[in-house]
């Protein structure tokens, strides 16, 4: 099965565009590809009841953690990590000037 591609990646700074958490910004902690969701640092905090596990140092009781947000509700705000393609703002700034098509230029020379 092919790996799905998304407009966000782990480590990106994103903003929630719709829903109850609209306007919230945070860093992508994890992407859940199968459900097309992402965990965003400090956004959609949920309380989860966790049972104690013998011999484990993990916290038990009521634990606050990030809940998933659908990827379609997210917009990239900050530049990605090194080696990734640029965000939309940088791509627009680097757009080259358009040239006239070769056919029109050749037709003008014949006249």
N, C-alpha and C. Protein backbone atom coordinates (compact mmCIF):
# COMPACT_ATOMS: atom_id res chain seq x y z
N UNK A 1 0.84 -1.18 0.00
CA UNK A 1 0.00 0.00 0.00
C UNK A 1 0.89 1.24 0.00
N UNK A 2 0.49 2.27 -0.75
CA UNK A 2 1.27 3.50 -0.85
C UNK A 2 1.13 4.34 0.40
N UNK A 3 2.20 5.05 0.73
CA UNK A 3 2.19 5.94 1.87
C UNK A 3 1.51 7.26 1.46
N UNK A 4 0.46 7.68 2.17
CA UNK A 4 -0.22 8.92 1.78
C UNK A 4 0.65 10.14 2.04
N UNK A 5 0.50 11.17 1.20
CA UNK A 5 1.25 12.42 1.36
C UNK A 5 0.30 13.49 1.88
N UNK A 6 0.76 14.27 2.83
CA UNK A 6 -0.04 15.33 3.42
C UNK A 6 0.69 16.65 3.29
N UNK A 7 -0.04 17.76 3.43
CA UNK A 7 0.56 19.09 3.32
C UNK A 7 1.27 19.51 4.59
N UNK A 8 1.20 18.69 5.63
CA UNK A 8 1.91 18.97 6.89
C UNK A 8 2.83 17.81 7.21
N UNK A 9 3.82 18.07 8.04
CA UNK A 9 4.75 17.03 8.46
C UNK A 9 5.04 17.22 9.94
N UNK A 10 5.60 16.19 10.55
CA UNK A 10 5.96 16.26 11.96
C UNK A 10 6.97 17.38 12.17
N UNK A 11 6.71 18.24 13.17
CA UNK A 11 7.60 19.35 13.46
C UNK A 11 7.14 20.67 12.87
N UNK A 12 6.16 20.66 11.97
CA UNK A 12 5.63 21.90 11.39
C UNK A 12 4.83 22.66 12.43
N UNK A 13 4.83 23.98 12.32
CA UNK A 13 3.94 24.82 13.12
C UNK A 13 2.69 25.06 12.30
N UNK A 14 1.53 24.69 12.86
CA UNK A 14 0.28 24.78 12.12
C UNK A 14 -0.75 25.58 12.91
N UNK A 15 -1.81 25.99 12.19
CA UNK A 15 -2.92 26.72 12.79
C UNK A 15 -4.21 25.97 12.46
N UNK A 16 -5.12 25.85 13.42
CA UNK A 16 -6.41 25.22 13.20
C UNK A 16 -7.31 26.23 12.50
N UNK A 17 -7.90 25.84 11.36
CA UNK A 17 -8.69 26.77 10.56
C UNK A 17 -10.19 26.70 10.85
N UNK A 18 -10.70 25.57 11.30
CA UNK A 18 -12.13 25.43 11.57
C UNK A 18 -12.35 24.61 12.83
N UNK A 19 -13.57 24.68 13.36
CA UNK A 19 -13.94 23.87 14.51
C UNK A 19 -13.85 24.63 15.82
N UNK A 20 -14.00 23.89 16.91
CA UNK A 20 -14.02 24.49 18.24
C UNK A 20 -12.68 25.10 18.64
N UNK A 21 -11.60 24.64 18.04
CA UNK A 21 -10.25 25.12 18.39
C UNK A 21 -9.69 26.05 17.32
N UNK A 22 -10.57 26.71 16.57
CA UNK A 22 -10.17 27.60 15.48
C UNK A 22 -9.23 28.69 15.98
N UNK A 23 -8.13 28.91 15.25
CA UNK A 23 -7.16 29.94 15.60
C UNK A 23 -6.03 29.46 16.48
N UNK A 24 -6.14 28.25 17.05
CA UNK A 24 -5.08 27.72 17.91
C UNK A 24 -3.88 27.33 17.07
N UNK A 25 -2.67 27.63 17.57
CA UNK A 25 -1.43 27.29 16.87
C UNK A 25 -0.62 26.34 17.72
N UNK A 26 0.14 25.47 17.07
CA UNK A 26 0.99 24.54 17.78
C UNK A 26 1.86 23.76 16.82
N UNK A 27 2.72 22.91 17.37
CA UNK A 27 3.65 22.10 16.60
C UNK A 27 3.07 20.70 16.43
N UNK A 28 3.23 20.12 15.24
CA UNK A 28 2.74 18.77 14.97
C UNK A 28 3.63 17.77 15.72
N UNK A 29 3.01 16.99 16.61
CA UNK A 29 3.73 15.98 17.37
C UNK A 29 3.75 14.64 16.65
N UNK A 30 2.62 14.30 16.01
CA UNK A 30 2.48 12.99 15.37
C UNK A 30 1.39 13.07 14.32
N UNK A 31 1.55 12.31 13.23
CA UNK A 31 0.51 12.21 12.21
C UNK A 31 -0.01 10.79 12.20
N UNK A 32 -1.34 10.65 12.26
CA UNK A 32 -2.00 9.36 12.20
C UNK A 32 -2.53 9.21 10.77
N UNK A 33 -1.74 8.58 9.90
CA UNK A 33 -2.04 8.55 8.47
C UNK A 33 -3.33 7.79 8.16
N UNK A 34 -3.59 6.71 8.84
CA UNK A 34 -4.77 5.90 8.56
C UNK A 34 -6.08 6.65 8.76
N UNK A 35 -6.11 7.55 9.72
CA UNK A 35 -7.32 8.33 10.01
C UNK A 35 -7.23 9.75 9.48
N UNK A 36 -6.11 10.11 8.84
CA UNK A 36 -5.85 11.46 8.34
C UNK A 36 -6.02 12.50 9.46
N UNK A 37 -5.37 12.22 10.59
CA UNK A 37 -5.43 13.12 11.74
C UNK A 37 -4.02 13.41 12.23
N UNK A 38 -3.91 14.47 13.03
CA UNK A 38 -2.61 14.86 13.59
C UNK A 38 -2.78 15.27 15.04
N UNK A 39 -1.74 15.05 15.83
CA UNK A 39 -1.71 15.53 17.22
C UNK A 39 -0.91 16.82 17.22
N UNK A 40 -1.53 17.90 17.73
CA UNK A 40 -0.92 19.21 17.76
C UNK A 40 -0.65 19.59 19.20
N UNK A 41 0.56 20.06 19.48
CA UNK A 41 0.97 20.40 20.83
C UNK A 41 0.09 21.51 21.42
N UNK A 42 -0.58 21.22 22.53
CA UNK A 42 -1.39 22.20 23.24
C UNK A 42 -2.77 22.45 22.67
N UNK A 43 -3.17 21.73 21.62
CA UNK A 43 -4.48 21.93 20.99
C UNK A 43 -5.34 20.69 21.26
N UNK A 44 -6.62 20.92 21.55
CA UNK A 44 -7.61 19.88 21.83
C UNK A 44 -7.14 18.96 22.96
N UNK A 45 -6.88 19.54 24.11
CA UNK A 45 -6.46 18.77 25.28
C UNK A 45 -7.66 17.98 25.81
N UNK A 46 -7.46 16.66 25.99
CA UNK A 46 -8.50 15.79 26.51
C UNK A 46 -8.01 15.16 27.80
N UNK A 47 -8.94 14.75 28.65
CA UNK A 47 -8.61 14.08 29.90
C UNK A 47 -8.89 12.60 29.73
N UNK A 48 -7.90 11.77 30.02
CA UNK A 48 -8.03 10.34 29.83
C UNK A 48 -7.76 9.63 31.15
N UNK A 49 -8.61 8.66 31.49
CA UNK A 49 -8.43 7.87 32.70
C UNK A 49 -7.47 6.73 32.40
N UNK A 50 -6.34 6.68 33.13
CA UNK A 50 -5.31 5.67 32.90
C UNK A 50 -5.15 4.83 34.16
N UNK A 51 -5.23 3.51 33.99
CA UNK A 51 -5.07 2.60 35.12
C UNK A 51 -3.58 2.46 35.46
N UNK A 52 -3.27 2.28 36.75
CA UNK A 52 -1.86 2.07 37.13
C UNK A 52 -1.38 0.70 36.65
N UNK A 53 -0.12 0.66 36.18
CA UNK A 53 0.49 -0.57 35.73
C UNK A 53 1.63 -0.89 36.68
N UNK A 54 1.62 -2.11 37.22
CA UNK A 54 2.63 -2.51 38.20
C UNK A 54 4.01 -2.52 37.55
N UNK A 55 4.98 -1.88 38.20
CA UNK A 55 6.35 -1.84 37.71
C UNK A 55 6.59 -0.79 36.64
N UNK A 56 5.62 0.08 36.43
CA UNK A 56 5.78 1.11 35.41
C UNK A 56 5.84 2.49 36.07
N UNK A 57 6.63 3.39 35.50
CA UNK A 57 6.74 4.74 36.03
C UNK A 57 5.78 5.71 35.33
N UNK A 58 4.93 5.20 34.44
CA UNK A 58 3.98 6.05 33.73
C UNK A 58 2.92 6.57 34.69
N UNK A 59 2.43 7.80 34.47
CA UNK A 59 1.42 8.36 35.37
C UNK A 59 0.10 7.62 35.25
N UNK A 60 -0.63 7.57 36.36
CA UNK A 60 -1.94 6.93 36.35
C UNK A 60 -2.96 7.92 36.87
N UNK A 61 -4.24 7.58 36.77
CA UNK A 61 -5.31 8.48 37.18
C UNK A 61 -5.79 9.28 35.99
N UNK A 62 -6.18 10.54 36.22
CA UNK A 62 -6.64 11.40 35.14
C UNK A 62 -5.44 12.12 34.52
N UNK A 63 -5.18 11.84 33.25
CA UNK A 63 -4.02 12.38 32.54
C UNK A 63 -4.52 13.25 31.39
N UNK A 64 -3.97 14.47 31.28
CA UNK A 64 -4.32 15.36 30.16
C UNK A 64 -3.35 15.11 29.02
N UNK A 65 -3.91 14.97 27.80
CA UNK A 65 -3.08 14.76 26.63
C UNK A 65 -3.76 15.36 25.40
N UNK A 66 -3.00 15.50 24.30
CA UNK A 66 -3.53 16.07 23.07
C UNK A 66 -4.44 15.08 22.37
N UNK A 67 -5.55 15.59 21.84
CA UNK A 67 -6.45 14.77 21.04
C UNK A 67 -6.19 15.03 19.56
N UNK A 68 -6.62 14.12 18.69
CA UNK A 68 -6.37 14.30 17.26
C UNK A 68 -7.26 15.36 16.62
N UNK A 69 -6.70 16.01 15.59
CA UNK A 69 -7.41 17.01 14.78
C UNK A 69 -7.28 16.55 13.33
N UNK A 70 -8.37 16.63 12.55
CA UNK A 70 -8.32 16.20 11.16
C UNK A 70 -7.39 17.11 10.36
N UNK A 71 -6.63 16.52 9.45
CA UNK A 71 -5.61 17.24 8.70
C UNK A 71 -6.22 18.33 7.82
N UNK A 72 -7.46 18.14 7.35
CA UNK A 72 -8.08 19.15 6.49
C UNK A 72 -8.39 20.43 7.24
N UNK A 73 -8.36 20.40 8.57
CA UNK A 73 -8.64 21.58 9.39
C UNK A 73 -7.37 22.31 9.80
N UNK A 74 -6.24 21.97 9.20
CA UNK A 74 -4.94 22.55 9.58
C UNK A 74 -4.32 23.31 8.42
N UNK A 75 -3.58 24.37 8.76
CA UNK A 75 -2.87 25.20 7.78
C UNK A 75 -1.44 25.40 8.28
N UNK A 76 -0.45 25.24 7.41
CA UNK A 76 0.96 25.43 7.79
C UNK A 76 1.22 26.92 7.99
N UNK A 77 1.86 27.25 9.13
CA UNK A 77 2.15 28.66 9.46
C UNK A 77 3.63 28.94 9.29
N UNK A 78 4.49 28.10 9.85
CA UNK A 78 5.94 28.35 9.84
C UNK A 78 6.62 27.43 8.84
N UNK A 79 7.85 27.79 8.47
CA UNK A 79 8.64 27.00 7.53
C UNK A 79 8.91 25.62 8.10
N UNK A 80 9.07 24.68 7.20
CA UNK A 80 9.34 23.31 7.61
C UNK A 80 10.81 23.14 7.99
N UNK A 81 11.15 21.96 8.49
CA UNK A 81 12.52 21.65 8.87
C UNK A 81 13.40 21.61 7.61
N UNK A 82 14.71 21.67 7.79
CA UNK A 82 15.64 21.67 6.67
C UNK A 82 15.44 20.43 5.80
N UNK A 83 15.54 20.62 4.50
CA UNK A 83 15.39 19.51 3.58
C UNK A 83 13.99 19.32 3.06
N UNK A 84 13.02 20.02 3.57
CA UNK A 84 11.64 19.91 3.11
C UNK A 84 11.35 21.02 2.11
N UNK A 85 10.28 20.87 1.33
CA UNK A 85 9.95 21.91 0.36
C UNK A 85 9.42 23.14 1.09
N UNK A 86 9.57 24.33 0.52
CA UNK A 86 9.18 25.56 1.20
C UNK A 86 7.67 25.70 1.33
N UNK A 87 7.27 26.58 2.23
CA UNK A 87 5.86 26.86 2.40
C UNK A 87 5.38 27.72 1.25
N UNK A 88 4.11 27.97 1.17
CA UNK A 88 3.51 28.69 0.05
C UNK A 88 4.09 30.10 -0.09
N UNK A 89 4.33 30.80 1.02
CA UNK A 89 4.84 32.17 0.96
C UNK A 89 6.20 32.23 0.27
N UNK A 90 7.10 31.32 0.58
CA UNK A 90 8.42 31.32 -0.02
C UNK A 90 8.35 30.94 -1.50
N UNK A 91 7.47 30.01 -1.85
CA UNK A 91 7.35 29.58 -3.24
C UNK A 91 6.87 30.73 -4.12
N UNK A 92 5.98 31.55 -3.62
CA UNK A 92 5.47 32.69 -4.39
C UNK A 92 6.57 33.73 -4.57
N UNK A 93 7.39 33.95 -3.56
CA UNK A 93 8.45 34.95 -3.62
C UNK A 93 9.53 34.56 -4.63
N UNK A 94 9.77 33.26 -4.85
CA UNK A 94 10.83 32.80 -5.74
C UNK A 94 10.34 32.52 -7.16
N UNK A 95 9.10 32.84 -7.49
CA UNK A 95 8.55 32.55 -8.81
C UNK A 95 9.31 33.35 -9.87
N UNK A 96 9.80 32.68 -10.94
CA UNK A 96 10.54 33.38 -12.00
C UNK A 96 9.60 34.20 -12.87
N UNK A 97 10.17 35.19 -13.57
CA UNK A 97 9.38 36.02 -14.47
C UNK A 97 8.96 35.17 -15.67
N UNK A 98 7.75 35.42 -16.20
CA UNK A 98 7.24 34.65 -17.33
C UNK A 98 7.85 35.18 -18.63
N UNK A 99 8.15 34.25 -19.55
CA UNK A 99 8.69 34.60 -20.86
C UNK A 99 7.60 34.39 -21.91
N UNK A 100 7.72 35.09 -23.03
CA UNK A 100 6.77 34.92 -24.13
C UNK A 100 6.96 33.55 -24.74
N UNK A 101 5.89 32.90 -25.20
CA UNK A 101 6.02 31.59 -25.84
C UNK A 101 6.90 31.68 -27.08
N UNK A 102 7.62 30.63 -27.37
CA UNK A 102 8.58 30.60 -28.47
C UNK A 102 7.89 30.77 -29.82
N UNK A 103 6.69 30.23 -30.00
CA UNK A 103 5.99 30.31 -31.29
C UNK A 103 5.66 31.75 -31.65
N UNK A 104 5.20 32.54 -30.72
CA UNK A 104 4.87 33.94 -31.00
C UNK A 104 6.11 34.75 -31.35
N UNK A 105 7.20 34.51 -30.66
CA UNK A 105 8.44 35.22 -30.92
C UNK A 105 8.96 34.90 -32.32
N UNK A 106 8.85 33.63 -32.75
CA UNK A 106 9.31 33.22 -34.07
C UNK A 106 8.44 33.85 -35.15
N UNK A 107 7.13 33.95 -34.92
CA UNK A 107 6.20 34.53 -35.90
C UNK A 107 6.49 36.02 -36.10
N UNK A 108 6.85 36.73 -35.06
CA UNK A 108 7.16 38.15 -35.16
C UNK A 108 8.44 38.38 -35.96
N UNK A 109 9.40 37.50 -35.88
CA UNK A 109 10.66 37.64 -36.60
C UNK A 109 10.48 37.46 -38.09
N UNK A 110 9.50 36.63 -38.52
CA UNK A 110 9.27 36.37 -39.93
C UNK A 110 8.70 37.59 -40.64
N UNK A 111 7.96 38.43 -39.93
CA UNK A 111 7.31 39.60 -40.54
C UNK A 111 8.28 40.67 -40.84
